[in-house]
Protein backbone atom coordinates (compact mmCIF):
# COMPACT_ATOMS: atom_id res chain seq x y z
CA MET A 1 48.30 156.71 148.43
CA ALA A 2 49.90 154.46 146.75
CA PRO A 3 53.64 154.71 148.00
CA PRO A 4 55.89 155.53 145.01
CA VAL A 5 57.67 152.64 143.00
CA VAL A 6 61.37 152.67 142.10
CA LEU A 7 62.93 150.23 139.72
CA ALA A 8 66.02 148.91 141.04
CA SER A 9 67.39 148.41 137.64
CA ALA A 10 68.65 149.51 134.07
CA SER A 11 67.87 146.58 131.60
CA ALA A 12 65.86 148.15 129.32
CA ALA A 13 63.50 144.70 129.08
CA ARG A 14 62.79 145.20 132.58
CA GLN A 15 61.59 148.76 132.17
CA HIS A 16 59.52 148.36 129.20
CA MET A 17 57.70 145.18 130.80
CA LEU A 18 56.66 147.49 133.61
CA ALA A 19 55.65 150.53 131.38
CA ALA A 20 53.99 148.20 128.56
CA ALA A 21 51.80 146.80 131.68
CA GLY A 22 50.83 150.56 133.02
CA VAL A 23 52.83 150.57 135.93
CA ALA A 24 54.41 154.50 136.66
CA PHE A 25 57.68 153.96 137.76
CA SER A 26 60.95 155.62 138.46
CA VAL A 27 64.52 153.99 137.92
CA VAL A 28 67.55 154.04 139.96
CA PRO A 29 70.26 151.20 138.73
CA ALA A 30 71.47 149.33 141.60
CA ALA A 31 75.39 148.89 142.19
CA VAL A 32 75.93 145.31 143.14
CA ASP A 33 78.65 143.17 142.15
CA GLU A 34 76.42 140.24 140.69
CA ASP A 35 79.83 138.05 140.10
CA ARG A 36 80.50 137.87 143.43
CA LEU A 37 77.14 137.09 145.13
CA LYS A 38 77.41 134.36 142.53
CA ALA A 39 80.44 132.64 143.08
CA ASP A 40 79.87 133.16 147.12
CA GLY A 41 76.23 131.72 146.86
CA ARG A 42 78.06 128.78 145.04
CA ALA A 43 80.71 128.30 147.38
CA ALA A 44 77.60 128.23 149.89
CA GLY A 45 76.34 125.53 148.38
CA ARG A 46 73.29 127.52 147.44
CA SER A 47 71.03 126.48 144.84
CA SER A 48 70.35 128.71 141.35
CA ASP A 49 66.87 129.73 142.95
CA ALA A 50 68.45 130.94 146.21
CA ILE A 51 71.43 132.89 144.55
CA VAL A 52 69.14 134.47 142.09
CA ARG A 53 66.55 135.61 144.89
CA ALA A 54 69.45 136.92 146.90
CA LEU A 55 70.28 138.91 143.80
CA ALA A 56 67.15 140.39 143.50
CA ARG A 57 66.80 140.99 147.32
CA ALA A 58 70.23 143.11 147.16
CA LYS A 59 69.40 145.12 143.98
CA ALA A 60 66.01 146.32 146.28
CA ALA A 61 68.16 146.88 149.24
CA ALA A 62 71.04 149.13 147.55
CA VAL A 63 68.50 151.60 146.51
CA ALA A 64 65.91 151.06 149.40
CA ALA A 65 68.34 152.59 151.77
CA SER A 66 67.83 155.89 149.98
CA GLN A 67 64.11 155.41 148.67
CA PRO A 68 62.47 154.25 151.95
CA ASP A 69 59.37 155.41 151.12
CA ALA A 70 58.82 153.71 148.11
CA LEU A 71 58.08 150.36 146.82
CA VAL A 72 61.87 149.32 145.62
CA ILE A 73 61.92 146.33 142.89
CA GLY A 74 65.30 144.20 142.35
CA ALA A 75 65.27 141.78 139.80
CA ASP A 76 67.80 139.45 138.20
CA GLN A 77 68.04 136.47 136.12
CA VAL A 78 70.58 133.20 135.99
CA LEU A 79 71.18 130.77 133.49
CA ASP A 80 72.09 127.26 135.02
CA LEU A 81 73.77 124.60 132.84
CA ASP A 82 73.38 121.37 134.37
CA GLY A 83 75.09 123.41 137.55
CA THR A 84 77.07 126.18 135.77
CA LEU A 85 75.93 129.36 136.16
CA PHE A 86 76.36 131.85 133.37
CA SER A 87 77.01 135.58 133.10
CA LYS A 88 76.75 137.86 130.12
CA ALA A 89 79.47 137.47 128.18
CA ALA A 90 82.38 139.50 128.45
CA ASP A 91 83.00 140.28 124.09
CA ARG A 92 81.83 138.59 121.37
CA ALA A 93 84.21 135.50 121.64
CA ASP A 94 82.62 134.78 124.98
CA ALA A 95 79.30 135.20 123.63
CA ARG A 96 80.03 132.43 120.88
CA HIS A 97 81.42 129.95 123.44
CA GLN A 98 78.68 130.46 125.50
CA LEU A 99 76.16 129.51 122.34
CA GLU A 100 78.47 127.15 121.78
CA GLN A 101 78.17 125.38 124.98
CA LEU A 102 74.28 125.73 125.01
CA ARG A 103 74.09 124.20 121.58
CA GLY A 104 72.21 120.46 121.49
CA ARG A 105 71.48 120.86 125.17
CA SER A 106 68.50 122.00 128.02
CA HIS A 107 68.86 125.17 130.47
CA THR A 108 67.10 126.61 132.58
CA LEU A 109 66.86 130.36 133.00
CA ILE A 110 65.49 131.43 136.93
CA SER A 111 64.02 134.94 137.11
CA ALA A 112 63.35 136.56 140.25
CA VAL A 113 61.93 139.28 142.05
CA ALA A 114 62.20 141.32 145.26
CA VAL A 115 60.11 144.40 147.18
CA MET A 116 61.73 146.30 149.11
CA HIS A 117 59.48 148.74 151.54
CA GLY A 118 60.73 150.59 154.49
CA GLY A 119 64.25 149.04 155.09
CA HIS A 120 62.24 145.47 154.83
CA LEU A 121 61.77 142.77 152.42
CA ALA A 122 58.14 143.13 151.95
CA TRP A 123 57.63 140.86 148.75
CA GLU A 124 59.19 138.38 146.27
CA ALA A 125 58.81 135.63 144.10
CA ALA A 126 60.77 133.44 141.47
CA ASP A 127 59.86 131.66 138.65
CA THR A 128 61.49 129.11 136.27
CA ALA A 129 61.59 128.51 132.39
CA THR A 130 63.07 125.44 130.34
CA LEU A 131 64.63 126.14 127.27
CA SER A 132 66.26 123.41 124.81
CA VAL A 133 68.51 124.50 122.38
CA ARG A 134 68.84 122.87 118.29
CA ALA A 135 71.92 121.71 117.05
CA PHE A 136 72.55 124.81 115.07
CA THR A 137 75.38 124.95 112.64
CA HIS A 138 78.84 127.03 112.42
CA ASP A 139 77.02 128.73 109.46
CA PHE A 140 73.70 129.64 111.33
CA LEU A 141 76.22 130.71 114.38
CA ASP A 142 78.31 133.01 112.24
CA ALA A 143 75.11 134.56 111.29
CA TYR A 144 73.73 134.95 114.10
CA LEU A 145 76.96 136.49 115.86
CA ALA A 146 76.92 139.26 112.80
CA TRP A 147 73.40 139.63 112.74
CA HIS A 148 73.03 140.56 116.80
CA GLY A 149 76.43 141.91 117.38
CA ASP A 150 77.12 143.29 120.53
CA GLU A 151 73.45 142.74 121.32
CA THR A 152 74.63 139.68 122.55
CA LEU A 153 76.34 141.33 125.42
CA THR A 154 73.21 142.29 126.88
CA THR A 155 71.43 139.28 127.94
CA VAL A 156 72.42 136.41 130.03
CA GLY A 157 72.27 133.33 127.26
CA CYS A 158 73.52 135.47 124.55
CA TYR A 159 70.35 135.43 122.83
CA ARG A 160 67.45 137.50 122.15
CA LEU A 161 63.81 136.11 121.95
CA GLU A 162 62.36 139.09 119.82
CA GLY A 163 64.61 138.92 117.14
CA LEU A 164 67.10 136.41 114.81
CA GLY A 165 67.41 134.25 118.99
CA VAL A 166 64.29 132.79 118.33
CA GLN A 167 65.94 129.90 115.76
CA LEU A 168 68.60 129.09 118.60
CA PHE A 169 65.64 126.89 119.93
CA GLU A 170 64.03 123.64 119.05
CA ARG A 171 61.54 123.98 122.30
CA ILE A 172 60.92 126.45 125.47
CA ASP A 173 58.73 126.00 128.00
CA GLY A 174 57.66 128.58 130.18
CA ASP A 175 56.29 131.81 131.02
CA HIS A 176 57.55 134.41 128.24
CA PHE A 177 57.81 137.54 131.15
CA THR A 178 60.32 135.26 132.95
CA ILE A 179 62.52 134.31 129.97
CA LEU A 180 62.53 138.05 129.60
CA GLY A 181 64.12 138.31 132.99
CA LEU A 182 61.01 139.44 135.44
CA PRO A 183 58.30 137.30 136.54
CA LEU A 184 55.40 139.79 136.05
CA LEU A 185 52.19 138.67 136.76
CA PRO A 186 53.08 137.87 139.96
CA LEU A 187 54.63 141.30 140.99
CA LEU A 188 51.30 143.00 138.97
CA GLY A 189 49.19 140.80 141.35
CA TYR A 190 51.45 142.20 144.26
CA LEU A 191 51.12 146.04 142.83
CA ARG A 192 47.35 145.68 142.86
CA THR A 193 47.64 144.41 146.84
CA GLN A 194 49.47 147.89 147.38
CA GLY A 195 47.14 150.26 145.42
CA VAL A 196 49.71 150.64 143.11
CA LEU A 197 47.50 149.22 140.38
CA ILE A 198 43.66 149.23 139.79
CA THR A 199 42.18 145.68 141.08
């Protein structure tokens, strides 16, 4: 019998991706100080890839302690602009500032996933996408922020590709699921090896 699956994330996007892919799971959000882990990682000279993997592992581990028989999925994503890591915007003014920093430049999104089982790291993966933001006008930025409002505060980079946010870009290179915050295809492959999904 396959072990139960627990998603250690309150992210609606990650929940939707897993559910749409036919994965049965429960949700137990992890309580992790992401900003501190990012700062500690940068202070120690770790790469963005290493930091996002550590974040995913920390989330999975935080929930796995109370779910020892489950496959606990932790996931996270970082936005790297020339070595600077972005966090979700604190308010609309911060969202405007972040989008102004991204304007006319390329950045990377790195998404990582880790699975804990029986108190041990059972599997992990990470993937990177590169997004080029066009040199949009102040008028477009005003319209975008008015249209999406506080929704811009729910995603790193303050954009939602499912809506008007797609107009922020002139080029996107990478897996769609990675951009949404989860390396879904590798994760589904792992879940098949554990009997969670039909092979």
